[in-house]
Amino acid sequence: MNRLKKGDEVIVIAGKDKGKLGSVSQVMQNGKLLVDGINLVKKHVKPNPMSGDQGGIVSKEMPIDASNVALYNPETKKADRVGVREEDGVKVRYFKSNGKTVTA
């Protein structure tokens, strides 16, 4: 079971966006995540008249490594580690600091 899933609220713990909050929009197979509003880069785009693209400089979200983010705990308002345990035959994620299950 993955510790981070699509839709989770995460906080960046390392890198240029350290301390920012965002929501996971995509989890990739190589251990990277796309997080809304995090790791934005300026990308130069060529115009494409066939599809109607104007071109220019566009801000784009790039993948960030999963080790550089942590799940955000709304009760403690801090980053928290995640564990997995079995409850009634179903695996659930829980916060290691207070033992509460992650609701997502």
C-alpha atoms as a PDB file:
ATOM      1  CA  MET A   1       0.000   0.000   0.000  1.00  0.00           C
ATOM      2  CA  ASN A   2       1.367   3.403  -0.983  1.00  0.00           C
ATOM      3  CA  ARG A   3       1.861   5.907   1.796  1.00  0.00           C
ATOM      4  CA  LEU A   4       0.828   8.788  -0.476  1.00  0.00           C
ATOM      5  CA  LYS A   5      -2.214   8.730  -2.759  1.00  0.00           C
ATOM      6  CA  LYS A   6      -3.921  11.034  -5.224  1.00  0.00           C
ATOM      7  CA  GLY A   7      -5.838  13.749  -3.373  1.00  0.00           C
ATOM      8  CA  ASP A   8      -3.674  13.693  -0.218  1.00  0.00           C
ATOM      9  CA  GLU A   9      -2.700  17.015   1.348  1.00  0.00           C
ATOM     10  CA  VAL A  10       1.106  17.127   1.570  1.00  0.00           C
ATOM     11  CA  ILE A  11       3.734  19.561   2.818  1.00  0.00           C
ATOM     12  CA  VAL A  12       7.121  19.968   1.141  1.00  0.00           C
ATOM     13  CA  ILE A  13       9.978  19.169   3.555  1.00  0.00           C
ATOM     14  CA  ALA A  14      12.957  19.722   1.209  1.00  0.00           C
ATOM     15  CA  GLY A  15      13.792  21.819  -1.840  1.00  0.00           C
ATOM     16  CA  LYS A  16      12.975  25.289  -3.121  1.00  0.00           C
ATOM     17  CA  ASP A  17       9.292  25.053  -2.098  1.00  0.00           C
ATOM     18  CA  LYS A  18       9.989  23.908   1.476  1.00  0.00           C
ATOM     19  CA  GLY A  19       7.050  24.593   3.798  1.00  0.00           C
ATOM     20  CA  LYS A  20       4.389  24.894   1.074  1.00  0.00           C
ATOM     21  CA  LEU A  21       1.167  22.882   1.117  1.00  0.00           C
ATOM     22  CA  GLY A  22      -0.373  21.213  -1.917  1.00  0.00           C
ATOM     23  CA  SER A  23      -2.622  18.412  -3.051  1.00  0.00           C
ATOM     24  CA  VAL A  24      -1.260  15.362  -4.886  1.00  0.00           C
ATOM     25  CA  SER A  25      -2.663  15.324  -8.425  1.00  0.00           C
ATOM     26  CA  GLN A  26      -0.767  12.304  -9.777  1.00  0.00           C
ATOM     27  CA  VAL A  27       1.396   9.494  -8.383  1.00  0.00           C
ATOM     28  CA  MET A  28       3.958   8.121 -10.841  1.00  0.00           C
ATOM     29  CA  GLN A  29       5.520   4.653 -10.929  1.00  0.00           C
ATOM     30  CA  ASN A  30       9.083   5.947 -10.457  1.00  0.00           C
ATOM     31  CA  GLY A  31       8.410   7.313  -6.956  1.00  0.00           C
ATOM     32  CA  LYS A  32       7.605  10.850  -8.042  1.00  0.00           C
ATOM     33  CA  LEU A  33       4.507  12.966  -7.511  1.00  0.00           C
ATOM     34  CA  LEU A  34       2.792  15.869  -9.223  1.00  0.00           C
ATOM     35  CA  VAL A  35       1.631  18.324  -6.565  1.00  0.00           C
ATOM     36  CA  ASP A  36      -0.643  21.274  -7.361  1.00  0.00           C
ATOM     37  CA  GLY A  37       1.262  24.580  -7.195  1.00  0.00           C
ATOM     38  CA  ILE A  38       4.587  22.962  -6.221  1.00  0.00           C
ATOM     39  CA  ASN A  39       7.834  22.762  -8.243  1.00  0.00           C
ATOM     40  CA  LEU A  40       6.709  25.212 -10.925  1.00  0.00           C
ATOM     41  CA  VAL A  41       9.177  25.854 -13.749  1.00  0.00           C
ATOM     42  CA  LYS A  42       9.148  28.215 -16.717  1.00  0.00           C
ATOM     43  CA  LYS A  43       8.899  26.282 -19.965  1.00  0.00           C
ATOM     44  CA  HIS A  44       9.475  27.794 -23.414  1.00  0.00           C
ATOM     45  CA  VAL A  45       6.800  26.521 -25.806  1.00  0.00           C
ATOM     46  CA  LYS A  46       6.902  26.796 -29.581  1.00  0.00           C
ATOM     47  CA  PRO A  47       3.745  27.993 -31.316  1.00  0.00           C
ATOM     48  CA  ASN A  48       1.741  25.314 -33.124  1.00  0.00           C
ATOM     49  CA  PRO A  49      -0.702  26.779 -35.660  1.00  0.00           C
ATOM     50  CA  MET A  50      -2.206  23.341 -36.387  1.00  0.00           C
ATOM     51  CA  SER A  51      -3.613  23.015 -32.865  1.00  0.00           C
ATOM     52  CA  GLY A  52      -3.944  26.751 -32.210  1.00  0.00           C
ATOM     53  CA  ASP A  53      -1.229  26.959 -29.508  1.00  0.00           C
ATOM     54  CA  GLN A  54       0.156  30.470 -29.220  1.00  0.00           C
ATOM     55  CA  GLY A  55       3.531  29.634 -27.702  1.00  0.00           C
ATOM     56  CA  GLY A  56       5.657  31.670 -25.297  1.00  0.00           C
ATOM     57  CA  ILE A  57       6.783  31.102 -21.711  1.00  0.00           C
ATOM     58  CA  VAL A  58       4.457  28.867 -19.668  1.00  0.00           C
ATOM     59  CA  SER A  59       4.576  27.906 -15.979  1.00  0.00           C
ATOM     60  CA  LYS A  60       4.386  24.133 -15.637  1.00  0.00           C
ATOM     61  CA  GLU A  61       4.338  21.748 -12.661  1.00  0.00           C
ATOM     62  CA  MET A  62       7.168  19.236 -12.682  1.00  0.00           C
ATOM     63  CA  PRO A  63       7.359  15.983 -10.688  1.00  0.00           C
ATOM     64  CA  ILE A  64       8.837  16.073  -7.193  1.00  0.00           C
ATOM     65  CA  ASP A  65      10.345  13.069  -5.441  1.00  0.00           C
ATOM     66  CA  ALA A  66       8.110  11.447  -2.831  1.00  0.00           C
ATOM     67  CA  SER A  67      10.939  11.613  -0.277  1.00  0.00           C
ATOM     68  CA  ASN A  68      10.758  15.429  -0.372  1.00  0.00           C
ATOM     69  CA  VAL A  69       7.139  15.598   0.796  1.00  0.00           C
ATOM     70  CA  ALA A  70       5.306  14.382   3.887  1.00  0.00           C
ATOM     71  CA  LEU A  71       1.626  13.882   4.588  1.00  0.00           C
ATOM     72  CA  TYR A  72       0.106  16.919   6.319  1.00  0.00           C
ATOM     73  CA  ASN A  73      -1.690  16.225   9.607  1.00  0.00           C
ATOM     74  CA  PRO A  74      -4.511  18.787  10.024  1.00  0.00           C
ATOM     75  CA  GLU A  75      -4.818  18.138  13.789  1.00  0.00           C
ATOM     76  CA  THR A  76      -1.197  18.939  14.623  1.00  0.00           C
ATOM     77  CA  LYS A  77      -0.765  21.266  11.596  1.00  0.00           C
ATOM     78  CA  LYS A  78       2.604  19.631  10.878  1.00  0.00           C
ATOM     79  CA  ALA A  79       4.184  17.053   8.599  1.00  0.00           C
ATOM     80  CA  ASP A  80       3.659  13.515   9.817  1.00  0.00           C
ATOM     81  CA  ARG A  81       4.921  10.031   9.074  1.00  0.00           C
ATOM     82  CA  VAL A  82       2.482   7.415   7.848  1.00  0.00           C
ATOM     83  CA  GLY A  83       2.122   3.781   8.837  1.00  0.00           C
ATOM     84  CA  VAL A  84      -0.083   0.982   7.531  1.00  0.00           C
ATOM     85  CA  ARG A  85      -2.101  -1.351   9.744  1.00  0.00           C
ATOM     86  CA  GLU A  86      -4.947  -3.782   9.261  1.00  0.00           C
ATOM     87  CA  GLU A  87      -8.384  -3.025  10.708  1.00  0.00           C
ATOM     88  CA  ASP A  88     -11.221  -5.533  10.142  1.00  0.00           C
ATOM     89  CA  GLY A  89      -9.278  -7.199   7.327  1.00  0.00           C
ATOM     90  CA  VAL A  90      -8.690  -3.906   5.464  1.00  0.00           C
ATOM     91  CA  LYS A  91      -5.362  -2.071   5.265  1.00  0.00           C
ATOM     92  CA  VAL A  92      -5.611   1.541   6.450  1.00  0.00           C
ATOM     93  CA  ARG A  93      -3.073   4.337   6.725  1.00  0.00           C
ATOM     94  CA  TYR A  94      -2.544   6.104  10.046  1.00  0.00           C
ATOM     95  CA  PHE A  95      -0.524   9.012  11.423  1.00  0.00           C
ATOM     96  CA  LYS A  96       2.413   7.807  13.506  1.00  0.00           C
ATOM     97  CA  SER A  97       2.257  10.767  15.925  1.00  0.00           C
ATOM     98  CA  ASN A  98      -1.287  10.295  17.238  1.00  0.00           C
ATOM     99  CA  GLY A  99      -2.408   6.956  15.761  1.00  0.00           C
ATOM    100  CA  LYS A 100      -5.486   8.377  14.010  1.00  0.00           C
ATOM    101  CA  THR A 101      -6.427   6.961  10.610  1.00  0.00           C
ATOM    102  CA  VAL A 102      -5.879   9.038   7.485  1.00  0.00           C
ATOM    103  CA  THR A 103      -9.140  10.151   5.899  1.00  0.00           C
ATOM    104  CA  ALA A 104      -8.823  10.571   2.138  1.00  0.00           C
END
